[in-house]
Amino acid sequence: MRRLENYADLAALLPAYYAGYGDWRSLFRELDRASKVTAETVQQAAIRYFTPLNRTTAYLATETRAGALSDTTGGQQ
C-alpha cells in the first residue's frame, strides 16, 4: 500500500487501526487480503456491480449553465 512508504506512515496507521478495529494487527490482515486481489477479481466485481441499474449520473452546473438549467428545471437545481 502506498501509505506504508516509511516507518512514520506505519506509526500513524497502527493507532488508527487500533482505534477503528480494536486491534493494530488488522492493518496487516487487510494488507494480506489486498495483496490477494487479482485483475480477474476486479473484473468480476466490475461486471457484477457496474450495471445500468446501478448507475448514478450527476451533472455539474457552472455559473454560466446555472441560468439555462433553472429555465429547464422550473427554477430547481
PDB file of N, CA and C in Angstrom:
ATOM      1  N   MET A   1       0.838  -1.182   0.000  1.00  0.00           N
ATOM      2  CA  MET A   1       0.000   0.000   0.000  1.00  0.00           C
ATOM      3  C   MET A   1       0.877   1.236   0.000  1.00  0.00           C
ATOM      4  N   ARG A   2       0.422   2.223  -0.684  1.00  0.00           N
ATOM      5  CA  ARG A   2       1.212   3.445  -0.820  1.00  0.00           C
ATOM      6  C   ARG A   2       1.352   4.213   0.475  1.00  0.00           C
ATOM      7  N   ARG A   3       0.450   4.006   1.394  1.00  0.00           N
ATOM      8  CA  ARG A   3       0.522   4.738   2.661  1.00  0.00           C
ATOM      9  C   ARG A   3       1.603   4.190   3.577  1.00  0.00           C
ATOM     10  N   LEU A   4       2.235   3.076   3.214  1.00  0.00           N
ATOM     11  CA  LEU A   4       3.265   2.473   4.054  1.00  0.00           C
ATOM     12  C   LEU A   4       4.642   2.624   3.418  1.00  0.00           C
ATOM     13  N   GLU A   5       4.978   3.815   2.995  1.00  0.00           N
ATOM     14  CA  GLU A   5       6.257   4.030   2.331  1.00  0.00           C
ATOM     15  C   GLU A   5       7.405   4.184   3.317  1.00  0.00           C
ATOM     16  N   ASN A   6       7.104   4.471   4.580  1.00  0.00           N
ATOM     17  CA  ASN A   6       8.182   4.625   5.563  1.00  0.00           C
ATOM     18  C   ASN A   6       7.631   4.301   6.957  1.00  0.00           C
ATOM     19  N   TYR A   7       8.503   4.328   7.942  1.00  0.00           N
ATOM     20  CA  TYR A   7       8.098   3.978   9.301  1.00  0.00           C
ATOM     21  C   TYR A   7       7.140   4.994   9.903  1.00  0.00           C
ATOM     22  N   ALA A   8       7.248   6.251   9.502  1.00  0.00           N
ATOM     23  CA  ALA A   8       6.337   7.274  10.022  1.00  0.00           C
ATOM     24  C   ALA A   8       4.902   6.973   9.578  1.00  0.00           C
ATOM     25  N   ASP A   9       4.748   6.521   8.331  1.00  0.00           N
ATOM     26  CA  ASP A   9       3.415   6.153   7.850  1.00  0.00           C
ATOM     27  C   ASP A   9       2.864   4.966   8.645  1.00  0.00           C
ATOM     28  N   LEU A  10       3.709   3.983   8.881  1.00  0.00           N
ATOM     29  CA  LEU A  10       3.291   2.823   9.668  1.00  0.00           C
ATOM     30  C   LEU A  10       2.909   3.235  11.086  1.00  0.00           C
ATOM     31  N   ALA A  11       3.699   4.129  11.682  1.00  0.00           N
ATOM     32  CA  ALA A  11       3.428   4.596  13.044  1.00  0.00           C
ATOM     33  C   ALA A  11       2.108   5.354  13.111  1.00  0.00           C
ATOM     34  N   ALA A  12       1.731   6.016  12.041  1.00  0.00           N
ATOM     35  CA  ALA A  12       0.459   6.740  12.023  1.00  0.00           C
ATOM     36  C   ALA A  12      -0.721   5.790  11.824  1.00  0.00           C
ATOM     37  N   LEU A  13      -0.530   4.742  11.046  1.00  0.00           N
ATOM     38  CA  LEU A  13      -1.628   3.829  10.751  1.00  0.00           C
ATOM     39  C   LEU A  13      -1.941   2.851  11.884  1.00  0.00           C
ATOM     40  N   LEU A  14      -0.949   2.425  12.613  1.00  0.00           N
ATOM     41  CA  LEU A  14      -1.188   1.438  13.672  1.00  0.00           C
ATOM     42  C   LEU A  14      -2.207   1.906  14.710  1.00  0.00           C
ATOM     43  N   PRO A  15      -2.075   3.120  15.267  1.00  0.00           N
ATOM     44  CA  PRO A  15      -3.108   3.537  16.234  1.00  0.00           C
ATOM     45  C   PRO A  15      -4.472   3.773  15.582  1.00  0.00           C
ATOM     46  N   ALA A  16      -4.477   4.161  14.320  1.00  0.00           N
ATOM     47  CA  ALA A  16      -5.753   4.350  13.626  1.00  0.00           C
ATOM     48  C   ALA A  16      -6.476   3.019  13.470  1.00  0.00           C
ATOM     49  N   TYR A  17      -5.750   1.972  13.155  1.00  0.00           N
ATOM     50  CA  TYR A  17      -6.372   0.647  13.042  1.00  0.00           C
ATOM     51  C   TYR A  17      -6.769   0.111  14.406  1.00  0.00           C
ATOM     52  N   TYR A  18      -5.992   0.423  15.426  1.00  0.00           N
ATOM     53  CA  TYR A  18      -6.365   0.004  16.774  1.00  0.00           C
ATOM     54  C   TYR A  18      -7.670   0.689  17.188  1.00  0.00           C
ATOM     55  N   ALA A  19      -7.759   1.986  16.916  1.00  0.00           N
ATOM     56  CA  ALA A  19      -8.962   2.738  17.287  1.00  0.00           C
ATOM     57  C   ALA A  19     -10.173   2.294  16.471  1.00  0.00           C
ATOM     58  N   GLY A  20      -9.958   2.028  15.194  1.00  0.00           N
ATOM     59  CA  GLY A  20     -11.074   1.690  14.322  1.00  0.00           C
ATOM     60  C   GLY A  20     -11.532   0.247  14.417  1.00  0.00           C
ATOM     61  N   TYR A  21     -10.583  -0.659  14.629  1.00  0.00           N
ATOM     62  CA  TYR A  21     -10.909  -2.088  14.601  1.00  0.00           C
ATOM     63  C   TYR A  21     -10.642  -2.804  15.918  1.00  0.00           C
ATOM     64  N   GLY A  22     -10.037  -2.102  16.877  1.00  0.00           N
ATOM     65  CA  GLY A  22      -9.773  -2.711  18.169  1.00  0.00           C
ATOM     66  C   GLY A  22      -8.531  -3.582  18.200  1.00  0.00           C
ATOM     67  N   ASP A  23      -7.783  -3.597  17.090  1.00  0.00           N
ATOM     68  CA  ASP A  23      -6.587  -4.440  17.018  1.00  0.00           C
ATOM     69  C   ASP A  23      -5.658  -3.879  15.945  1.00  0.00           C
ATOM     70  N   TRP A  24      -4.439  -3.545  16.316  1.00  0.00           N
ATOM     71  CA  TRP A  24      -3.495  -2.980  15.354  1.00  0.00           C
ATOM     72  C   TRP A  24      -3.110  -3.988  14.288  1.00  0.00           C
ATOM     73  N   ARG A  25      -3.280  -5.282  14.575  1.00  0.00           N
ATOM     74  CA  ARG A  25      -2.932  -6.312  13.596  1.00  0.00           C
ATOM     75  C   ARG A  25      -3.904  -6.345  12.414  1.00  0.00           C
ATOM     76  N   SER A  26      -5.030  -5.665  12.570  1.00  0.00           N
ATOM     77  CA  SER A  26      -5.989  -5.572  11.461  1.00  0.00           C
ATOM     78  C   SER A  26      -5.357  -4.933  10.234  1.00  0.00           C
ATOM     79  N   LEU A  27      -4.425  -4.038  10.452  1.00  0.00           N
ATOM     80  CA  LEU A  27      -3.714  -3.412   9.336  1.00  0.00           C
ATOM     81  C   LEU A  27      -3.026  -4.472   8.487  1.00  0.00           C
ATOM     82  N   PHE A  28      -2.343  -5.397   9.121  1.00  0.00           N
ATOM     83  CA  PHE A  28      -1.603  -6.416   8.387  1.00  0.00           C
ATOM     84  C   PHE A  28      -2.525  -7.459   7.763  1.00  0.00           C
ATOM     85  N   ARG A  29      -3.641  -7.741   8.429  1.00  0.00           N
ATOM     86  CA  ARG A  29      -4.625  -8.641   7.817  1.00  0.00           C
ATOM     87  C   ARG A  29      -5.220  -8.007   6.559  1.00  0.00           C
ATOM     88  N   GLU A  30      -5.477  -6.713   6.626  1.00  0.00           N
ATOM     89  CA  GLU A  30      -6.009  -6.012   5.460  1.00  0.00           C
ATOM     90  C   GLU A  30      -4.985  -5.987   4.323  1.00  0.00           C
ATOM     91  N   LEU A  31      -3.736  -5.790   4.647  1.00  0.00           N
ATOM     92  CA  LEU A  31      -2.681  -5.823   3.624  1.00  0.00           C
ATOM     93  C   LEU A  31      -2.606  -7.197   2.968  1.00  0.00           C
ATOM     94  N   ASP A  32      -2.734  -8.250   3.767  1.00  0.00           N
ATOM     95  CA  ASP A  32      -2.730  -9.605   3.214  1.00  0.00           C
ATOM     96  C   ASP A  32      -3.908  -9.811   2.266  1.00  0.00           C
ATOM     97  N   ARG A  33      -5.088  -9.363   2.682  1.00  0.00           N
ATOM     98  CA  ARG A  33      -6.267  -9.504   1.819  1.00  0.00           C
ATOM     99  C   ARG A  33      -6.103  -8.702   0.531  1.00  0.00           C
ATOM    100  N   ALA A  34      -5.581  -7.502   0.632  1.00  0.00           N
ATOM    101  CA  ALA A  34      -5.406  -6.656  -0.555  1.00  0.00           C
ATOM    102  C   ALA A  34      -4.390  -7.246  -1.521  1.00  0.00           C
ATOM    103  N   SER A  35      -3.385  -7.917  -1.002  1.00  0.00           N
ATOM    104  CA  SER A  35      -2.367  -8.496  -1.882  1.00  0.00           C
ATOM    105  C   SER A  35      -2.887  -9.699  -2.655  1.00  0.00           C
ATOM    106  N   LYS A  36      -4.016 -10.257  -2.215  1.00  0.00           N
ATOM    107  CA  LYS A  36      -4.591 -11.416  -2.895  1.00  0.00           C
ATOM    108  C   LYS A  36      -5.572 -11.037  -4.001  1.00  0.00           C
ATOM    109  N   VAL A  37      -5.871  -9.748  -4.142  1.00  0.00           N
ATOM    110  CA  VAL A  37      -6.787  -9.297  -5.184  1.00  0.00           C
ATOM    111  C   VAL A  37      -6.098  -9.406  -6.537  1.00  0.00           C
ATOM    112  N   THR A  38      -6.800 -10.004  -7.485  1.00  0.00           N
ATOM    113  CA  THR A  38      -6.242 -10.177  -8.830  1.00  0.00           C
ATOM    114  C   THR A  38      -7.033  -9.332  -9.820  1.00  0.00           C
ATOM    115  N   ALA A  39      -6.488  -9.189 -11.013  1.00  0.00           N
ATOM    116  CA  ALA A  39      -7.186  -8.464 -12.071  1.00  0.00           C
ATOM    117  C   ALA A  39      -8.509  -9.154 -12.396  1.00  0.00           C
ATOM    118  N   GLU A  40      -8.524 -10.465 -12.340  1.00  0.00           N
ATOM    119  CA  GLU A  40      -9.742 -11.223 -12.609  1.00  0.00           C
ATOM    120  C   GLU A  40     -10.814 -10.924 -11.561  1.00  0.00           C
ATOM    121  N   THR A  41     -10.427 -10.820 -10.307  1.00  0.00           N
ATOM    122  CA  THR A  41     -11.364 -10.499  -9.236  1.00  0.00           C
ATOM    123  C   THR A  41     -11.975  -9.111  -9.445  1.00  0.00           C
ATOM    124  N   VAL A  42     -11.142  -8.161  -9.825  1.00  0.00           N
ATOM    125  CA  VAL A  42     -11.631  -6.808 -10.072  1.00  0.00           C
ATOM    126  C   VAL A  42     -12.584  -6.805 -11.260  1.00  0.00           C
ATOM    127  N   GLN A  43     -12.248  -7.538 -12.315  1.00  0.00           N
ATOM    128  CA  GLN A  43     -13.096  -7.623 -13.495  1.00  0.00           C
ATOM    129  C   GLN A  43     -14.459  -8.229 -13.140  1.00  0.00           C
ATOM    130  N   GLN A  44     -14.459  -9.281 -12.343  1.00  0.00           N
ATOM    131  CA  GLN A  44     -15.718  -9.907 -11.928  1.00  0.00           C
ATOM    132  C   GLN A  44     -16.581  -8.943 -11.116  1.00  0.00           C
ATOM    133  N   ALA A  45     -15.953  -8.179 -10.235  1.00  0.00           N
ATOM    134  CA  ALA A  45     -16.701  -7.205  -9.440  1.00  0.00           C
ATOM    135  C   ALA A  45     -17.261  -6.101 -10.328  1.00  0.00           C
ATOM    136  N   ALA A  46     -16.483  -5.666 -11.294  1.00  0.00           N
ATOM    137  CA  ALA A  46     -16.955  -4.626 -12.212  1.00  0.00           C
ATOM    138  C   ALA A  46     -18.168  -5.105 -12.997  1.00  0.00           C
ATOM    139  N   ILE A  47     -18.110  -6.322 -13.496  1.00  0.00           N
ATOM    140  CA  ILE A  47     -19.238  -6.877 -14.251  1.00  0.00           C
ATOM    141  C   ILE A  47     -20.472  -6.999 -13.358  1.00  0.00           C
ATOM    142  N   ARG A  48     -20.256  -7.397 -12.128  1.00  0.00           N
ATOM    143  CA  ARG A  48     -21.378  -7.613 -11.222  1.00  0.00           C
ATOM    144  C   ARG A  48     -22.035  -6.305 -10.770  1.00  0.00           C
ATOM    145  N   TYR A  49     -21.233  -5.274 -10.459  1.00  0.00           N
ATOM    146  CA  TYR A  49     -21.777  -4.075  -9.835  1.00  0.00           C
ATOM    147  C   TYR A  49     -21.941  -2.885 -10.774  1.00  0.00           C
ATOM    148  N   PHE A  50     -21.176  -2.784 -11.835  1.00  0.00           N
ATOM    149  CA  PHE A  50     -21.293  -1.653 -12.749  1.00  0.00           C
ATOM    150  C   PHE A  50     -22.285  -1.983 -13.852  1.00  0.00           C
ATOM    151  N   THR A  51     -23.541  -1.923 -13.493  1.00  0.00           N
ATOM    152  CA  THR A  51     -24.618  -2.233 -14.426  1.00  0.00           C
ATOM    153  C   THR A  51     -25.458  -0.979 -14.651  1.00  0.00           C
ATOM    154  N   PRO A  52     -26.219  -0.939 -15.732  1.00  0.00           N
ATOM    155  CA  PRO A  52     -27.084   0.224 -15.954  1.00  0.00           C
ATOM    156  C   PRO A  52     -28.054   0.493 -14.791  1.00  0.00           C
ATOM    157  N   LEU A  53     -28.513  -0.550 -14.114  1.00  0.00           N
ATOM    158  CA  LEU A  53     -29.425  -0.342 -12.990  1.00  0.00           C
ATOM    159  C   LEU A  53     -28.745   0.295 -11.784  1.00  0.00           C
ATOM    160  N   ASN A  54     -27.437   0.116 -11.646  1.00  0.00           N
ATOM    161  CA  ASN A  54     -26.692   0.681 -10.520  1.00  0.00           C
ATOM    162  C   ASN A  54     -26.060   2.026 -10.849  1.00  0.00           C
ATOM    163  N   ARG A  55     -26.361   2.551 -12.012  1.00  0.00           N
ATOM    164  CA  ARG A  55     -25.708   3.780 -12.483  1.00  0.00           C
ATOM    165  C   ARG A  55     -26.352   5.005 -11.845  1.00  0.00           C
ATOM    166  N   THR A  56     -25.512   5.942 -11.457  1.00  0.00           N
ATOM    167  CA  THR A  56     -25.958   7.249 -10.998  1.00  0.00           C
ATOM    168  C   THR A  56     -25.259   8.288 -11.863  1.00  0.00           C
ATOM    169  N   THR A  57     -26.024   9.209 -12.405  1.00  0.00           N
ATOM    170  CA  THR A  57     -25.461  10.255 -13.250  1.00  0.00           C
ATOM    171  C   THR A  57     -25.609  11.582 -12.535  1.00  0.00           C
ATOM    172  N   ALA A  58     -24.541  12.337 -12.492  1.00  0.00           N
ATOM    173  CA  ALA A  58     -24.565  13.656 -11.870  1.00  0.00           C
ATOM    174  C   ALA A  58     -24.137  14.683 -12.907  1.00  0.00           C
ATOM    175  N   TYR A  59     -24.751  15.815 -12.866  1.00  0.00           N
ATOM    176  CA  TYR A  59     -24.407  16.915 -13.757  1.00  0.00           C
ATOM    177  C   TYR A  59     -23.910  18.067 -12.912  1.00  0.00           C
ATOM    178  N   LEU A  60     -22.794  18.624 -13.300  1.00  0.00           N
ATOM    179  CA  LEU A  60     -22.214  19.756 -12.595  1.00  0.00           C
ATOM    180  C   LEU A  60     -22.630  21.018 -13.327  1.00  0.00           C
ATOM    181  N   ALA A  61     -23.347  21.883 -12.637  1.00  0.00           N
ATOM    182  CA  ALA A  61     -23.801  23.128 -13.247  1.00  0.00           C
ATOM    183  C   ALA A  61     -22.852  24.244 -12.853  1.00  0.00           C
ATOM    184  N   THR A  62     -22.245  24.852 -13.846  1.00  0.00           N
ATOM    185  CA  THR A  62     -21.388  26.006 -13.590  1.00  0.00           C
ATOM    186  C   THR A  62     -22.258  27.257 -13.574  1.00  0.00           C
ATOM    187  N   GLU A  63     -21.678  28.367 -13.216  1.00  0.00           N
ATOM    188  CA  GLU A  63     -22.452  29.602 -13.158  1.00  0.00           C
ATOM    189  C   GLU A  63     -23.030  29.958 -14.521  1.00  0.00           C
ATOM    190  N   THR A  64     -22.294  29.703 -15.575  1.00  0.00           N
ATOM    191  CA  THR A  64     -22.790  30.048 -16.908  1.00  0.00           C
ATOM    192  C   THR A  64     -23.939  29.152 -17.315  1.00  0.00           C
ATOM    193  N   ARG A  65     -23.965  27.913 -16.827  1.00  0.00           N
ATOM    194  CA  ARG A  65     -25.049  26.996 -17.156  1.00  0.00           C
ATOM    195  C   ARG A  65     -26.188  27.071 -16.149  1.00  0.00           C
ATOM    196  N   ALA A  66     -25.970  27.699 -15.018  1.00  0.00           N
ATOM    197  CA  ALA A  66     -26.985  27.718 -13.971  1.00  0.00           C
ATOM    198  C   ALA A  66     -28.256  28.396 -14.450  1.00  0.00           C
ATOM    199  N   GLY A  67     -28.134  29.469 -15.188  1.00  0.00           N
ATOM    200  CA  GLY A  67     -29.311  30.155 -15.704  1.00  0.00           C
ATOM    201  C   GLY A  67     -30.074  29.283 -16.672  1.00  0.00           C
ATOM    202  N   ALA A  68     -29.368  28.607 -17.562  1.00  0.00           N
ATOM    203  CA  ALA A  68     -30.019  27.721 -18.521  1.00  0.00           C
ATOM    204  C   ALA A  68     -30.632  26.528 -17.811  1.00  0.00           C
ATOM    205  N   LEU A  69     -29.989  26.041 -16.771  1.00  0.00           N
ATOM    206  CA  LEU A  69     -30.504  24.906 -16.022  1.00  0.00           C
ATOM    207  C   LEU A  69     -31.796  25.268 -15.307  1.00  0.00           C
ATOM    208  N   SER A  70     -31.842  26.458 -14.713  1.00  0.00           N
ATOM    209  CA  SER A  70     -33.045  26.833 -13.988  1.00  0.00           C
ATOM    210  C   SER A  70     -34.221  27.029 -14.941  1.00  0.00           C
ATOM    211  N   ASP A  71     -33.939  27.407 -16.184  1.00  0.00           N
ATOM    212  CA  ASP A  71     -35.002  27.540 -17.175  1.00  0.00           C
ATOM    213  C   ASP A  71     -35.600  26.179 -17.508  1.00  0.00           C
ATOM    214  N   THR A  72     -34.774  25.138 -17.556  1.00  0.00           N
ATOM    215  CA  THR A  72     -35.249  23.824 -17.966  1.00  0.00           C
ATOM    216  C   THR A  72     -35.816  23.021 -16.803  1.00  0.00           C
ATOM    217  N   THR A  73     -35.487  23.391 -15.583  1.00  0.00           N
ATOM    218  CA  THR A  73     -35.967  22.616 -14.430  1.00  0.00           C
ATOM    219  C   THR A  73     -37.026  23.348 -13.628  1.00  0.00           C
ATOM    220  N   GLY A  74     -37.499  24.423 -14.157  1.00  0.00           N
ATOM    221  CA  GLY A  74     -38.517  25.173 -13.448  1.00  0.00           C
ATOM    222  C   GLY A  74     -37.974  25.910 -12.245  1.00  0.00           C
ATOM    223  N   GLY A  75     -36.696  26.272 -12.297  1.00  0.00           N
ATOM    224  CA  GLY A  75     -36.080  27.037 -11.216  1.00  0.00           C
ATOM    225  C   GLY A  75     -35.465  26.196 -10.130  1.00  0.00           C
ATOM    226  N   GLN A  76     -35.569  24.881 -10.205  1.00  0.00           N
ATOM    227  CA  GLN A  76     -34.991  24.000  -9.181  1.00  0.00           C
ATOM    228  C   GLN A  76     -33.653  23.483  -9.674  1.00  0.00           C
ATOM    229  N   GLN A  77     -32.693  23.424  -8.746  1.00  0.00           N
ATOM    230  CA  GLN A  77     -31.370  22.909  -9.104  1.00  0.00           C
ATOM    231  C   GLN A  77     -31.004  21.768  -8.214  1.00  0.00           C
TER     232      GLN A  77
END
